[in-house]
């Protein structure tokens, strides 16, 4: 999944390659900064509580507010934002942070790939149920496959 963001959409975060670029030029950032940016970009304009951010960025590790504050500062620096203007990452007082800059996401390729995998597994289950399963199970699996195909077509066009 790729996220293009910033006023000119000049920044791109490539989740698959784990790269941040500005106008095609890679920006070196530490892995936790990348994780924070990806989390915020996945939920644009949504205030994310500090506890949720800490849980997702540092799973299974206890860290304090200072670690998160430092990470936010580094993320802002990497994308040309700062604590004063907060044009992309805004502090939500008493709660957490929100990504407020313009964001475009090209989810469709990931949705298409995952949807096709799910449909392939459902078809395998259907073939197995035809050989061994009761009629009720076959009907349910056929219905599930059709529902998945329709949902995928709607999601991806």
N, C-alpha and C. Protein backbone atom coordinates (compact mmCIF):
# COMPACT_ATOMS: atom_id res chain seq x y z
N UNK A 1 0.84 -1.17 0.00
CA UNK A 1 0.00 0.00 0.00
C UNK A 1 0.89 1.23 0.00
N UNK A 2 0.54 2.18 -0.83
CA UNK A 2 1.29 3.42 -0.92
C UNK A 2 0.42 4.58 -0.47
N UNK A 3 1.03 5.51 0.25
CA UNK A 3 0.35 6.72 0.68
C UNK A 3 1.08 7.90 0.08
N UNK A 4 0.35 8.76 -0.62
CA UNK A 4 0.90 10.02 -1.11
C UNK A 4 0.30 11.11 -0.24
N UNK A 5 1.14 12.01 0.24
CA UNK A 5 0.64 13.03 1.15
C UNK A 5 1.46 14.29 1.05
N UNK A 6 0.95 15.31 1.73
CA UNK A 6 1.56 16.64 1.68
C UNK A 6 0.74 17.51 0.75
N UNK A 7 0.95 18.81 0.82
CA UNK A 7 0.13 19.73 0.03
C UNK A 7 0.28 19.48 -1.46
N UNK A 8 1.47 19.07 -1.92
CA UNK A 8 1.65 18.77 -3.34
C UNK A 8 1.71 17.27 -3.61
N UNK A 9 1.35 16.48 -2.59
CA UNK A 9 1.41 15.00 -2.67
C UNK A 9 2.83 14.54 -3.03
N UNK A 10 3.80 15.33 -2.63
CA UNK A 10 5.19 15.03 -2.96
C UNK A 10 5.81 13.93 -2.12
N UNK A 11 5.22 13.65 -0.96
CA UNK A 11 5.72 12.58 -0.11
C UNK A 11 5.02 11.28 -0.46
N UNK A 12 5.77 10.19 -0.44
CA UNK A 12 5.16 8.88 -0.62
C UNK A 12 5.75 7.92 0.40
N UNK A 13 4.84 7.26 1.11
CA UNK A 13 5.24 6.21 2.03
C UNK A 13 4.82 4.90 1.40
N UNK A 14 5.78 4.06 1.06
CA UNK A 14 5.55 2.76 0.45
C UNK A 14 5.62 1.71 1.56
N UNK A 15 4.45 1.24 1.99
CA UNK A 15 4.40 0.31 3.12
C UNK A 15 5.07 -1.01 2.79
N UNK A 16 4.92 -1.48 1.56
CA UNK A 16 5.53 -2.76 1.18
C UNK A 16 7.05 -2.72 1.20
N UNK A 17 7.61 -1.66 0.66
CA UNK A 17 9.07 -1.51 0.61
C UNK A 17 9.64 -0.87 1.87
N UNK A 18 8.73 -0.38 2.73
CA UNK A 18 9.11 0.33 3.95
C UNK A 18 10.06 1.50 3.63
N UNK A 19 9.60 2.32 2.68
CA UNK A 19 10.38 3.49 2.28
C UNK A 19 9.53 4.75 2.34
N UNK A 20 10.19 5.84 2.72
CA UNK A 20 9.58 7.16 2.65
C UNK A 20 10.37 7.93 1.61
N UNK A 21 9.66 8.57 0.66
CA UNK A 21 10.32 9.34 -0.37
C UNK A 21 9.67 10.71 -0.51
N UNK A 22 10.45 11.67 -0.95
CA UNK A 22 9.91 12.98 -1.30
C UNK A 22 10.32 13.26 -2.73
N UNK A 23 9.34 13.41 -3.59
CA UNK A 23 9.57 13.59 -5.03
C UNK A 23 10.52 12.52 -5.55
N UNK A 24 10.33 11.30 -5.10
CA UNK A 24 11.12 10.17 -5.57
C UNK A 24 12.44 9.95 -4.87
N UNK A 25 12.86 10.89 -4.03
CA UNK A 25 14.15 10.78 -3.34
C UNK A 25 13.92 10.14 -1.96
N UNK A 26 14.60 9.03 -1.68
CA UNK A 26 14.41 8.37 -0.38
C UNK A 26 14.82 9.27 0.79
N UNK A 27 14.06 9.16 1.87
CA UNK A 27 14.36 9.87 3.11
C UNK A 27 14.69 8.81 4.15
N UNK A 28 15.87 8.89 4.72
CA UNK A 28 16.29 7.91 5.73
C UNK A 28 15.58 8.22 7.05
N UNK A 29 14.84 7.24 7.54
CA UNK A 29 14.18 7.36 8.84
C UNK A 29 14.33 6.04 9.59
N UNK A 30 14.26 6.13 10.90
CA UNK A 30 14.37 4.91 11.69
C UNK A 30 13.07 4.11 11.58
N UNK A 31 13.13 2.80 11.79
CA UNK A 31 11.95 1.94 11.63
C UNK A 31 10.73 2.36 12.45
N UNK A 32 10.93 2.81 13.67
CA UNK A 32 9.79 3.21 14.51
C UNK A 32 9.13 4.49 13.98
N UNK A 33 9.89 5.38 13.38
CA UNK A 33 9.32 6.58 12.77
C UNK A 33 8.46 6.15 11.59
N UNK A 34 8.96 5.21 10.81
CA UNK A 34 8.18 4.68 9.69
C UNK A 34 6.87 4.07 10.21
N UNK A 35 6.96 3.26 11.26
CA UNK A 35 5.76 2.62 11.83
C UNK A 35 4.74 3.67 12.28
N UNK A 36 5.21 4.72 12.92
CA UNK A 36 4.32 5.78 13.38
C UNK A 36 3.65 6.47 12.20
N UNK A 37 4.42 6.84 11.18
CA UNK A 37 3.84 7.49 10.01
C UNK A 37 2.82 6.59 9.33
N UNK A 38 3.16 5.33 9.18
CA UNK A 38 2.21 4.40 8.54
C UNK A 38 0.92 4.29 9.33
N UNK A 39 1.02 4.20 10.64
CA UNK A 39 -0.17 4.12 11.49
C UNK A 39 -1.04 5.37 11.33
N UNK A 40 -0.42 6.54 11.39
CA UNK A 40 -1.17 7.79 11.25
C UNK A 40 -1.79 7.91 9.85
N UNK A 41 -1.06 7.50 8.83
CA UNK A 41 -1.57 7.60 7.46
C UNK A 41 -2.70 6.61 7.19
N UNK A 42 -2.69 5.50 7.88
CA UNK A 42 -3.78 4.53 7.72
C UNK A 42 -5.09 5.05 8.33
N UNK A 43 -4.97 6.04 9.20
CA UNK A 43 -6.15 6.60 9.87
C UNK A 43 -6.14 8.13 9.77
N UNK A 44 -6.17 8.68 8.54
CA UNK A 44 -6.10 10.13 8.40
C UNK A 44 -7.30 10.82 9.04
N UNK A 45 -7.04 11.99 9.60
CA UNK A 45 -8.08 12.82 10.24
C UNK A 45 -8.75 12.14 11.42
N UNK A 46 -8.15 11.10 11.94
CA UNK A 46 -8.69 10.43 13.12
C UNK A 46 -7.70 10.62 14.27
N UNK A 47 -8.19 11.10 15.38
CA UNK A 47 -7.33 11.28 16.56
C UNK A 47 -7.02 9.91 17.15
N UNK A 48 -5.76 9.57 17.18
CA UNK A 48 -5.34 8.28 17.75
C UNK A 48 -4.80 8.50 19.15
N UNK A 49 -5.35 7.79 20.12
CA UNK A 49 -4.87 7.94 21.50
C UNK A 49 -3.41 7.50 21.65
N UNK A 50 -2.72 8.14 22.55
CA UNK A 50 -1.31 7.81 22.79
C UNK A 50 -1.14 6.32 23.12
N UNK A 51 -2.02 5.79 23.95
CA UNK A 51 -1.89 4.37 24.33
C UNK A 51 -1.99 3.45 23.12
N UNK A 52 -2.89 3.76 22.20
CA UNK A 52 -3.03 2.95 20.99
C UNK A 52 -1.77 3.04 20.14
N UNK A 53 -1.23 4.24 20.00
CA UNK A 53 -0.02 4.43 19.20
C UNK A 53 1.14 3.65 19.82
N UNK A 54 1.30 3.78 21.12
CA UNK A 54 2.38 3.07 21.81
C UNK A 54 2.21 1.57 21.64
N UNK A 55 0.98 1.08 21.80
CA UNK A 55 0.72 -0.37 21.66
C UNK A 55 1.06 -0.86 20.27
N UNK A 56 0.72 -0.07 19.22
CA UNK A 56 0.95 -0.51 17.85
C UNK A 56 2.39 -0.31 17.38
N UNK A 57 3.04 0.73 17.84
CA UNK A 57 4.40 1.01 17.40
C UNK A 57 5.42 0.21 18.20
N UNK A 58 5.14 -0.02 19.46
CA UNK A 58 6.03 -0.80 20.34
C UNK A 58 5.27 -1.99 20.92
N UNK A 59 4.85 -2.95 20.11
CA UNK A 59 4.05 -4.05 20.65
C UNK A 59 4.82 -4.85 21.70
N UNK A 60 4.17 -5.05 22.84
CA UNK A 60 4.77 -5.86 23.90
C UNK A 60 5.88 -5.20 24.67
N UNK A 61 6.11 -3.90 24.43
CA UNK A 61 7.20 -3.19 25.10
C UNK A 61 6.60 -2.02 25.87
N UNK A 62 7.11 -1.78 27.06
CA UNK A 62 6.65 -0.65 27.85
C UNK A 62 7.55 0.54 27.57
N UNK A 63 6.94 1.62 27.06
CA UNK A 63 7.69 2.86 26.82
C UNK A 63 6.89 4.01 27.39
N UNK A 64 7.54 5.09 27.64
CA UNK A 64 6.89 6.26 28.22
C UNK A 64 6.50 7.28 27.17
N UNK A 65 5.84 8.33 27.65
CA UNK A 65 5.39 9.42 26.78
C UNK A 65 6.56 10.12 26.09
N UNK A 66 7.71 10.15 26.76
CA UNK A 66 8.88 10.81 26.17
C UNK A 66 9.32 10.12 24.89
N UNK A 67 9.26 8.80 24.86
CA UNK A 67 9.64 8.06 23.65
C UNK A 67 8.70 8.39 22.51
N UNK A 68 7.41 8.46 22.81
CA UNK A 68 6.43 8.81 21.78
C UNK A 68 6.63 10.25 21.30
N UNK A 69 6.85 11.16 22.23
CA UNK A 69 7.06 12.56 21.86
C UNK A 69 8.27 12.72 20.95
N UNK A 70 9.36 12.00 21.28
CA UNK A 70 10.56 12.04 20.45
C UNK A 70 10.28 11.50 19.06
N UNK A 71 9.52 10.41 18.99
CA UNK A 71 9.19 9.79 17.71
C UNK A 71 8.34 10.73 16.85
N UNK A 72 7.37 11.39 17.47
CA UNK A 72 6.53 12.34 16.73
C UNK A 72 7.39 13.49 16.20
N UNK A 73 8.31 13.95 17.02
CA UNK A 73 9.21 15.04 16.59
C UNK A 73 10.03 14.60 15.37
N UNK A 74 10.55 13.38 15.40
CA UNK A 74 11.34 12.84 14.29
C UNK A 74 10.47 12.66 13.04
N UNK A 75 9.25 12.19 13.22
CA UNK A 75 8.33 12.01 12.09
C UNK A 75 8.01 13.36 11.45
N UNK A 76 7.74 14.34 12.29
CA UNK A 76 7.46 15.69 11.77
C UNK A 76 8.66 16.23 10.99
N UNK A 77 9.83 16.05 11.54
CA UNK A 77 11.05 16.53 10.88
C UNK A 77 11.21 15.86 9.52
N UNK A 78 10.94 14.55 9.45
CA UNK A 78 11.11 13.80 8.20
C UNK A 78 10.17 14.28 7.10
N UNK A 79 8.99 14.79 7.48
CA UNK A 79 8.01 15.20 6.46
C UNK A 79 7.84 16.72 6.38
N UNK A 80 8.81 17.45 6.92
CA UNK A 80 8.81 18.90 6.79
C UNK A 80 7.76 19.61 7.63
N UNK A 81 7.38 19.00 8.72
CA UNK A 81 6.40 19.58 9.63
C UNK A 81 7.15 19.96 10.91
N UNK A 82 6.49 20.68 11.78
CA UNK A 82 7.09 20.96 13.09
C UNK A 82 6.00 21.10 14.13
N UNK A 83 6.42 21.18 15.37
CA UNK A 83 5.47 21.27 16.47
C UNK A 83 4.71 22.58 16.53
N UNK A 84 5.19 23.59 15.83
CA UNK A 84 4.51 24.89 15.82
C UNK A 84 3.40 24.91 14.77
N UNK A 85 3.73 24.61 13.53
CA UNK A 85 2.71 24.68 12.46
C UNK A 85 1.76 23.48 12.50
N UNK A 86 2.28 22.31 12.79
CA UNK A 86 1.48 21.07 12.84
C UNK A 86 0.59 20.95 11.61
N UNK A 87 1.17 21.19 10.44
CA UNK A 87 0.40 21.15 9.20
C UNK A 87 0.06 19.74 8.74
N UNK A 88 0.79 18.74 9.26
CA UNK A 88 0.47 17.36 8.88
C UNK A 88 0.17 16.48 10.10
N UNK A 89 0.98 16.58 11.13
CA UNK A 89 0.72 15.80 12.35
C UNK A 89 0.33 16.78 13.45
N UNK A 90 -0.91 16.69 13.85
CA UNK A 90 -1.43 17.62 14.86
C UNK A 90 -1.54 16.91 16.20
N UNK A 91 -1.12 17.60 17.25
CA UNK A 91 -1.29 17.10 18.62
C UNK A 91 -2.73 17.36 19.03
N UNK A 92 -3.39 16.31 19.52
CA UNK A 92 -4.74 16.45 20.05
C UNK A 92 -4.58 16.48 21.56
N UNK A 93 -4.69 17.65 22.11
CA UNK A 93 -4.40 17.88 23.53
C UNK A 93 -5.16 16.90 24.45
N UNK A 94 -4.39 16.28 25.33
CA UNK A 94 -4.97 15.35 26.30
C UNK A 94 -5.34 13.99 25.72
N UNK A 95 -5.05 13.77 24.43
CA UNK A 95 -5.44 12.51 23.82
C UNK A 95 -4.32 11.82 23.06
N UNK A 96 -3.85 12.46 21.98
CA UNK A 96 -2.86 11.80 21.14
C UNK A 96 -2.51 12.64 19.94
N UNK A 97 -2.55 12.00 18.74
CA UNK A 97 -2.13 12.67 17.52
C UNK A 97 -3.07 12.32 16.38
N UNK A 98 -3.10 13.24 15.40
CA UNK A 98 -3.96 13.07 14.22
C UNK A 98 -3.17 13.51 12.99
N UNK A 99 -3.27 12.74 11.93
CA UNK A 99 -2.67 13.16 10.67
C UNK A 99 -3.70 14.02 9.95
N UNK A 100 -3.38 15.31 9.74
CA UNK A 100 -4.35 16.25 9.18
C UNK A 100 -4.00 16.70 7.76
N UNK A 101 -2.84 16.32 7.26
CA UNK A 101 -2.46 16.70 5.90
C UNK A 101 -3.24 15.90 4.88
N UNK A 102 -3.27 16.38 3.63
CA UNK A 102 -3.96 15.64 2.57
C UNK A 102 -3.27 14.30 2.31
N UNK A 103 -4.08 13.24 2.16
CA UNK A 103 -3.55 11.89 1.96
C UNK A 103 -4.32 11.20 0.84
N UNK A 104 -3.59 10.52 -0.01
CA UNK A 104 -4.18 9.63 -1.02
C UNK A 104 -3.58 8.26 -0.79
N UNK A 105 -4.41 7.24 -0.90
CA UNK A 105 -3.96 5.88 -0.67
C UNK A 105 -4.35 5.01 -1.86
N UNK A 106 -3.42 4.22 -2.35
CA UNK A 106 -3.75 3.28 -3.43
C UNK A 106 -3.92 1.88 -2.86
N UNK A 107 -5.01 1.69 -2.16
CA UNK A 107 -5.33 0.41 -1.53
C UNK A 107 -5.74 -0.66 -2.52
N UNK A 108 -6.29 -0.30 -3.62
CA UNK A 108 -6.91 -1.26 -4.53
C UNK A 108 -6.01 -2.45 -4.87
N UNK A 109 -4.71 -2.26 -5.20
CA UNK A 109 -3.91 -3.44 -5.52
C UNK A 109 -3.85 -4.44 -4.36
N UNK A 110 -3.68 -3.95 -3.12
CA UNK A 110 -3.63 -4.85 -1.97
C UNK A 110 -4.97 -5.52 -1.75
N UNK A 111 -6.06 -4.78 -1.90
CA UNK A 111 -7.38 -5.35 -1.73
C UNK A 111 -7.63 -6.42 -2.78
N UNK A 112 -7.26 -6.13 -4.01
CA UNK A 112 -7.45 -7.09 -5.11
C UNK A 112 -6.67 -8.37 -4.83
N UNK A 113 -5.41 -8.26 -4.46
CA UNK A 113 -4.58 -9.44 -4.20
C UNK A 113 -5.15 -10.26 -3.05
N UNK A 114 -5.46 -9.59 -1.94
CA UNK A 114 -6.00 -10.32 -0.79
C UNK A 114 -7.36 -10.92 -1.10
N UNK A 115 -8.19 -10.18 -1.83
CA UNK A 115 -9.51 -10.70 -2.21
C UNK A 115 -9.40 -11.93 -3.08
N UNK A 116 -8.49 -11.89 -4.03
CA UNK A 116 -8.31 -13.05 -4.92
C UNK A 116 -7.80 -14.26 -4.15
N UNK A 117 -6.94 -14.03 -3.17
CA UNK A 117 -6.47 -15.15 -2.32
C UNK A 117 -7.62 -15.75 -1.52
N UNK A 118 -8.45 -14.88 -0.96
CA UNK A 118 -9.60 -15.35 -0.19
C UNK A 118 -10.56 -16.14 -1.06
N UNK A 119 -10.82 -15.67 -2.25
CA UNK A 119 -11.72 -16.37 -3.17
C UNK A 119 -11.13 -17.72 -3.57
N UNK A 120 -9.82 -17.76 -3.82
CA UNK A 120 -9.17 -19.03 -4.18
C UNK A 120 -9.31 -20.04 -3.04
N UNK A 121 -9.13 -19.60 -1.81
CA UNK A 121 -9.29 -20.51 -0.66
C UNK A 121 -10.74 -20.97 -0.53
N UNK A 122 -11.66 -20.07 -0.77
CA UNK A 122 -13.08 -20.43 -0.69
C UNK A 122 -13.43 -21.45 -1.78
N UNK A 123 -12.87 -21.29 -2.97
CA UNK A 123 -13.12 -22.26 -4.05
C UNK A 123 -12.55 -23.63 -3.68
N UNK A 124 -11.36 -23.63 -3.05
CA UNK A 124 -10.80 -24.91 -2.60
C UNK A 124 -11.73 -25.57 -1.59
N UNK A 125 -12.24 -24.77 -0.67
CA UNK A 125 -13.18 -25.31 0.32
C UNK A 125 -14.45 -25.82 -0.36
N UNK A 126 -14.88 -25.13 -1.40
CA UNK A 126 -16.07 -25.54 -2.14
C UNK A 126 -15.84 -26.89 -2.81
N UNK A 127 -14.68 -27.05 -3.45
CA UNK A 127 -14.37 -28.33 -4.10
C UNK A 127 -14.30 -29.46 -3.08
N UNK A 128 -13.71 -29.19 -1.93
CA UNK A 128 -13.65 -30.19 -0.86
C UNK A 128 -15.05 -30.52 -0.38
N UNK A 129 -15.90 -29.51 -0.22
CA UNK A 129 -17.25 -29.75 0.30
C UNK A 129 -18.10 -30.51 -0.71
N UNK A 130 -17.82 -30.32 -2.01
CA UNK A 130 -18.58 -31.05 -3.02
C UNK A 130 -18.27 -32.53 -2.91
N UNK A 131 -17.00 -32.86 -2.67
CA UNK A 131 -16.60 -34.26 -2.55
C UNK A 131 -17.08 -34.90 -1.26
N UNK A 132 -17.00 -34.17 -0.16
CA UNK A 132 -17.22 -34.79 1.14
C UNK A 132 -18.34 -34.20 1.97
N UNK A 133 -18.66 -32.94 1.74
CA UNK A 133 -19.54 -32.24 2.66
C UNK A 133 -21.02 -32.40 2.37
N UNK A 134 -21.83 -32.06 3.35
CA UNK A 134 -23.27 -32.10 3.17
C UNK A 134 -23.74 -30.96 2.26
N UNK A 135 -24.90 -31.08 1.72
CA UNK A 135 -25.45 -30.11 0.79
C UNK A 135 -25.51 -28.71 1.39
N UNK A 136 -25.90 -28.59 2.66
CA UNK A 136 -25.97 -27.28 3.33
C UNK A 136 -24.63 -26.56 3.30
N UNK A 137 -23.56 -27.28 3.57
CA UNK A 137 -22.22 -26.68 3.57
C UNK A 137 -21.86 -26.20 2.17
N UNK A 138 -22.14 -27.01 1.15
CA UNK A 138 -21.83 -26.63 -0.23
C UNK A 138 -22.55 -25.35 -0.61
N UNK A 139 -23.81 -25.25 -0.25
CA UNK A 139 -24.60 -24.06 -0.58
C UNK A 139 -24.02 -22.84 0.12
N UNK A 140 -23.66 -22.99 1.39
CA UNK A 140 -23.09 -21.86 2.14
C UNK A 140 -21.76 -21.40 1.54
N UNK A 141 -20.91 -22.35 1.16
CA UNK A 141 -19.61 -22.00 0.60
C UNK A 141 -19.79 -21.35 -0.78
N UNK A 142 -20.71 -21.87 -1.61
CA UNK A 142 -20.98 -21.25 -2.90
C UNK A 142 -21.45 -19.81 -2.72
N UNK A 143 -22.31 -19.59 -1.77
CA UNK A 143 -22.82 -18.25 -1.48
C UNK A 143 -21.69 -17.34 -1.00
N UNK A 144 -20.80 -17.88 -0.17
CA UNK A 144 -19.66 -17.12 0.33
C UNK A 144 -18.75 -16.70 -0.82
N UNK A 145 -18.47 -17.63 -1.75
CA UNK A 145 -17.61 -17.32 -2.89
C UNK A 145 -18.24 -16.21 -3.72
N UNK A 146 -19.53 -16.30 -4.01
CA UNK A 146 -20.21 -15.26 -4.80
C UNK A 146 -20.17 -13.92 -4.08
N UNK A 147 -20.40 -13.93 -2.77
CA UNK A 147 -20.36 -12.70 -1.99
C UNK A 147 -18.97 -12.07 -2.05
N UNK A 148 -17.93 -12.88 -1.92
CA UNK A 148 -16.55 -12.37 -2.00
C UNK A 148 -16.27 -11.77 -3.36
N UNK A 149 -16.69 -12.45 -4.42
CA UNK A 149 -16.44 -11.93 -5.76
C UNK A 149 -17.15 -10.59 -5.98
N UNK A 150 -18.39 -10.47 -5.52
CA UNK A 150 -19.12 -9.22 -5.64
C UNK A 150 -18.45 -8.11 -4.85
N UNK A 151 -18.06 -8.41 -3.61
CA UNK A 151 -17.42 -7.40 -2.77
C UNK A 151 -16.10 -6.94 -3.39
N UNK A 152 -15.35 -7.87 -3.94
CA UNK A 152 -14.08 -7.51 -4.56
C UNK A 152 -14.30 -6.63 -5.79
N UNK A 153 -15.29 -6.97 -6.59
CA UNK A 153 -15.59 -6.13 -7.77
C UNK A 153 -16.01 -4.72 -7.35
N UNK A 154 -16.79 -4.62 -6.29
CA UNK A 154 -17.22 -3.29 -5.82
C UNK A 154 -16.04 -2.50 -5.28
N UNK A 155 -15.17 -3.18 -4.54
CA UNK A 155 -14.03 -2.49 -3.91
C UNK A 155 -13.00 -2.03 -4.93
N UNK A 156 -12.79 -2.84 -5.96
CA UNK A 156 -11.68 -2.57 -6.89
C UNK A 156 -12.14 -2.10 -8.26
N UNK A 157 -13.40 -2.15 -8.50
CA UNK A 157 -13.91 -1.70 -9.81
C UNK A 157 -13.68 -2.67 -10.93
